[in-house]
Amino acid sequence: MSLKIYNTLTREKQEFVPIEPGYVGMYVCGPTVYGDVHLGNCRTFISFDIIYRHLKYLGYKVRYVRNITDAGHLEGDRGRRTQRHLGRLLPQAGGDRRFRRGAGSAATAS
């Protein structure tokens, strides 16, 4: 089974061919932390989760990296509260260890 992707430059569907056979690296912009999660954030999470799962189904080994953009400092006190909140959450989730391990190699699979 192959995967076809629409190329907006050529305006044609093309067969997906990874740079390294059998491996796919996905880097996706995550939420910008300036407020509560909204439907726009959820659309991105769901869309790329479906792509990730389909690539796995096709037999690819996939490294999926998502960033968190902290724009809270642009909003004064509200931003400082957001930074403190994230500081409490990320270490508990193992975020530091997970993202440091793969830093600089997002295009290869783990």
C-alpha atoms as a PDB file:
ATOM      1  CA  MET A   1       0.000   0.000   0.000  1.00  0.00           C
ATOM      2  CA  SER A   2       1.403   3.424  -0.894  1.00  0.00           C
ATOM      3  CA  LEU A   3       0.699   6.921   0.347  1.00  0.00           C
ATOM      4  CA  LYS A   4       0.036   9.766  -2.056  1.00  0.00           C
ATOM      5  CA  ILE A   5       0.450  13.386  -1.020  1.00  0.00           C
ATOM      6  CA  TYR A   6      -0.720  16.502  -2.848  1.00  0.00           C
ATOM      7  CA  ASN A   7       2.229  18.661  -3.950  1.00  0.00           C
ATOM      8  CA  THR A   8       1.036  22.278  -3.959  1.00  0.00           C
ATOM      9  CA  LEU A   9       3.991  23.354  -6.111  1.00  0.00           C
ATOM     10  CA  THR A  10       3.250  20.972  -9.001  1.00  0.00           C
ATOM     11  CA  ARG A  11      -0.481  20.712  -8.217  1.00  0.00           C
ATOM     12  CA  GLU A  12      -0.299  16.952  -8.554  1.00  0.00           C
ATOM     13  CA  LYS A  13      -0.506  13.954  -6.252  1.00  0.00           C
ATOM     14  CA  GLN A  14       2.843  12.266  -5.703  1.00  0.00           C
ATOM     15  CA  GLU A  15       3.814   9.005  -4.073  1.00  0.00           C
ATOM     16  CA  PHE A  16       5.362   9.609  -0.655  1.00  0.00           C
ATOM     17  CA  VAL A  17       9.013   8.501  -0.574  1.00  0.00           C
ATOM     18  CA  PRO A  18      10.874   9.031   2.713  1.00  0.00           C
ATOM     19  CA  ILE A  19      14.424  10.412   2.725  1.00  0.00           C
ATOM     20  CA  GLU A  20      15.613   7.296   4.554  1.00  0.00           C
ATOM     21  CA  PRO A  21      13.782   4.126   3.497  1.00  0.00           C
ATOM     22  CA  GLY A  22      11.547   2.765   6.255  1.00  0.00           C
ATOM     23  CA  TYR A  23      11.899   5.824   8.512  1.00  0.00           C
ATOM     24  CA  VAL A  24       9.873   9.030   8.760  1.00  0.00           C
ATOM     25  CA  GLY A  25      10.567  12.095  10.903  1.00  0.00           C
ATOM     26  CA  MET A  26       7.669  14.432  11.664  1.00  0.00           C
ATOM     27  CA  TYR A  27       8.206  17.849  13.241  1.00  0.00           C
ATOM     28  CA  VAL A  28       4.919  19.569  14.011  1.00  0.00           C
ATOM     29  CA  CYS A  29       4.324  22.959  15.567  1.00  0.00           C
ATOM     30  CA  GLY A  30       2.495  22.413  18.828  1.00  0.00           C
ATOM     31  CA  PRO A  31       0.433  24.836  20.864  1.00  0.00           C
ATOM     32  CA  THR A  32       1.512  28.383  21.572  1.00  0.00           C
ATOM     33  CA  VAL A  33       0.973  28.689  25.291  1.00  0.00           C
ATOM     34  CA  TYR A  34      -0.842  31.956  25.857  1.00  0.00           C
ATOM     35  CA  GLY A  35      -4.195  30.698  27.042  1.00  0.00           C
ATOM     36  CA  ASP A  36      -6.428  27.678  27.322  1.00  0.00           C
ATOM     37  CA  VAL A  37      -6.585  24.988  24.644  1.00  0.00           C
ATOM     38  CA  HIS A  38      -9.225  25.637  21.968  1.00  0.00           C
ATOM     39  CA  LEU A  39     -10.675  23.777  18.989  1.00  0.00           C
ATOM     40  CA  GLY A  40      -7.995  25.119  16.649  1.00  0.00           C
ATOM     41  CA  ASN A  41      -5.332  23.377  18.761  1.00  0.00           C
ATOM     42  CA  CYS A  42      -7.321  20.147  18.791  1.00  0.00           C
ATOM     43  CA  ARG A  43      -7.599  20.091  14.994  1.00  0.00           C
ATOM     44  CA  THR A  44      -3.807  20.086  14.686  1.00  0.00           C
ATOM     45  CA  PHE A  45      -3.372  17.402  17.349  1.00  0.00           C
ATOM     46  CA  ILE A  46      -5.927  15.109  15.729  1.00  0.00           C
ATOM     47  CA  SER A  47      -4.788  15.678  12.122  1.00  0.00           C
ATOM     48  CA  PHE A  48      -1.145  14.872  12.769  1.00  0.00           C
ATOM     49  CA  ASP A  49      -2.004  12.002  15.108  1.00  0.00           C
ATOM     50  CA  ILE A  50      -3.953  10.423  12.237  1.00  0.00           C
ATOM     51  CA  ILE A  51      -1.016  10.940   9.837  1.00  0.00           C
ATOM     52  CA  TYR A  52       1.383   9.442  12.409  1.00  0.00           C
ATOM     53  CA  ARG A  53      -0.848   6.400  12.950  1.00  0.00           C
ATOM     54  CA  HIS A  54      -1.303   5.864   9.204  1.00  0.00           C
ATOM     55  CA  LEU A  55       2.443   5.969   8.599  1.00  0.00           C
ATOM     56  CA  LYS A  56       2.911   3.406  11.399  1.00  0.00           C
ATOM     57  CA  TYR A  57       0.169   1.272   9.823  1.00  0.00           C
ATOM     58  CA  LEU A  58       2.043   1.390   6.499  1.00  0.00           C
ATOM     59  CA  GLY A  59       5.084  -0.044   8.290  1.00  0.00           C
ATOM     60  CA  TYR A  60       7.248   3.042   8.753  1.00  0.00           C
ATOM     61  CA  LYS A  61       9.236   3.646  11.921  1.00  0.00           C
ATOM     62  CA  VAL A  62       8.170   7.179  12.876  1.00  0.00           C
ATOM     63  CA  ARG A  63       9.723   9.816  15.135  1.00  0.00           C
ATOM     64  CA  TYR A  64       7.040  12.394  15.928  1.00  0.00           C
ATOM     65  CA  VAL A  65       8.258  15.629  17.541  1.00  0.00           C
ATOM     66  CA  ARG A  66       5.953  18.454  18.615  1.00  0.00           C
ATOM     67  CA  ASN A  67       7.157  21.717  20.123  1.00  0.00           C
ATOM     68  CA  ILE A  68       5.513  23.956  22.702  1.00  0.00           C
ATOM     69  CA  THR A  69       5.937  27.670  21.996  1.00  0.00           C
ATOM     70  CA  ASP A  70       5.914  29.834  25.111  1.00  0.00           C
ATOM     71  CA  ALA A  71       4.606  33.248  24.101  1.00  0.00           C
ATOM     72  CA  GLY A  72       3.392  33.917  27.634  1.00  0.00           C
ATOM     73  CA  HIS A  73       6.202  36.366  28.358  1.00  0.00           C
ATOM     74  CA  LEU A  74       4.596  38.690  25.812  1.00  0.00           C
ATOM     75  CA  GLU A  75       1.513  38.988  27.996  1.00  0.00           C
ATOM     76  CA  GLY A  76       3.074  40.164  31.274  1.00  0.00           C
ATOM     77  CA  ASP A  77       1.805  38.615  34.501  1.00  0.00           C
ATOM     78  CA  ARG A  78      -0.406  36.134  32.699  1.00  0.00           C
ATOM     79  CA  GLY A  79       2.704  34.838  30.933  1.00  0.00           C
ATOM     80  CA  ARG A  80       4.626  34.405  34.172  1.00  0.00           C
ATOM     81  CA  ARG A  81       1.761  32.334  35.563  1.00  0.00           C
ATOM     82  CA  THR A  82       1.809  30.187  32.401  1.00  0.00           C
ATOM     83  CA  GLN A  83       5.577  29.641  32.678  1.00  0.00           C
ATOM     84  CA  ARG A  84       5.270  28.562  36.323  1.00  0.00           C
ATOM     85  CA  HIS A  85       2.431  26.214  35.388  1.00  0.00           C
ATOM     86  CA  LEU A  86       4.442  24.620  32.552  1.00  0.00           C
ATOM     87  CA  GLY A  87       7.484  24.309  34.808  1.00  0.00           C
ATOM     88  CA  ARG A  88       5.415  22.182  37.164  1.00  0.00           C
ATOM     89  CA  LEU A  89       3.937  20.006  34.399  1.00  0.00           C
ATOM     90  CA  LEU A  90       6.819  19.232  32.024  1.00  0.00           C
ATOM     91  CA  PRO A  91       9.304  17.630  34.438  1.00  0.00           C
ATOM     92  CA  GLN A  92       6.567  15.311  35.759  1.00  0.00           C
ATOM     93  CA  ALA A  93       5.762  14.196  32.214  1.00  0.00           C
ATOM     94  CA  GLY A  94       9.434  13.510  31.493  1.00  0.00           C
ATOM     95  CA  GLY A  95       9.457  16.230  28.830  1.00  0.00           C
ATOM     96  CA  ASP A  96      13.029  17.358  29.406  1.00  0.00           C
ATOM     97  CA  ARG A  97      14.514  13.872  29.075  1.00  0.00           C
ATOM     98  CA  ARG A  98      12.455  12.868  26.064  1.00  0.00           C
ATOM     99  CA  PHE A  99      13.149  15.975  24.002  1.00  0.00           C
ATOM    100  CA  ARG A 100      16.856  16.247  24.852  1.00  0.00           C
ATOM    101  CA  ARG A 101      17.479  12.646  23.781  1.00  0.00           C
ATOM    102  CA  GLY A 102      16.245  13.296  20.238  1.00  0.00           C
ATOM    103  CA  ALA A 103      17.459  16.881  19.841  1.00  0.00           C
ATOM    104  CA  GLY A 104      19.109  17.526  16.516  1.00  0.00           C
ATOM    105  CA  SER A 105      17.912  14.333  14.880  1.00  0.00           C
ATOM    106  CA  ALA A 106      14.243  14.973  14.174  1.00  0.00           C
ATOM    107  CA  ALA A 107      14.561  13.667  10.614  1.00  0.00           C
ATOM    108  CA  THR A 108      15.437  10.156  11.749  1.00  0.00           C
ATOM    109  CA  ALA A 109      13.295   7.607  13.493  1.00  0.00           C
ATOM    110  CA  SER A 110      13.875   6.345  17.022  1.00  0.00           C
END
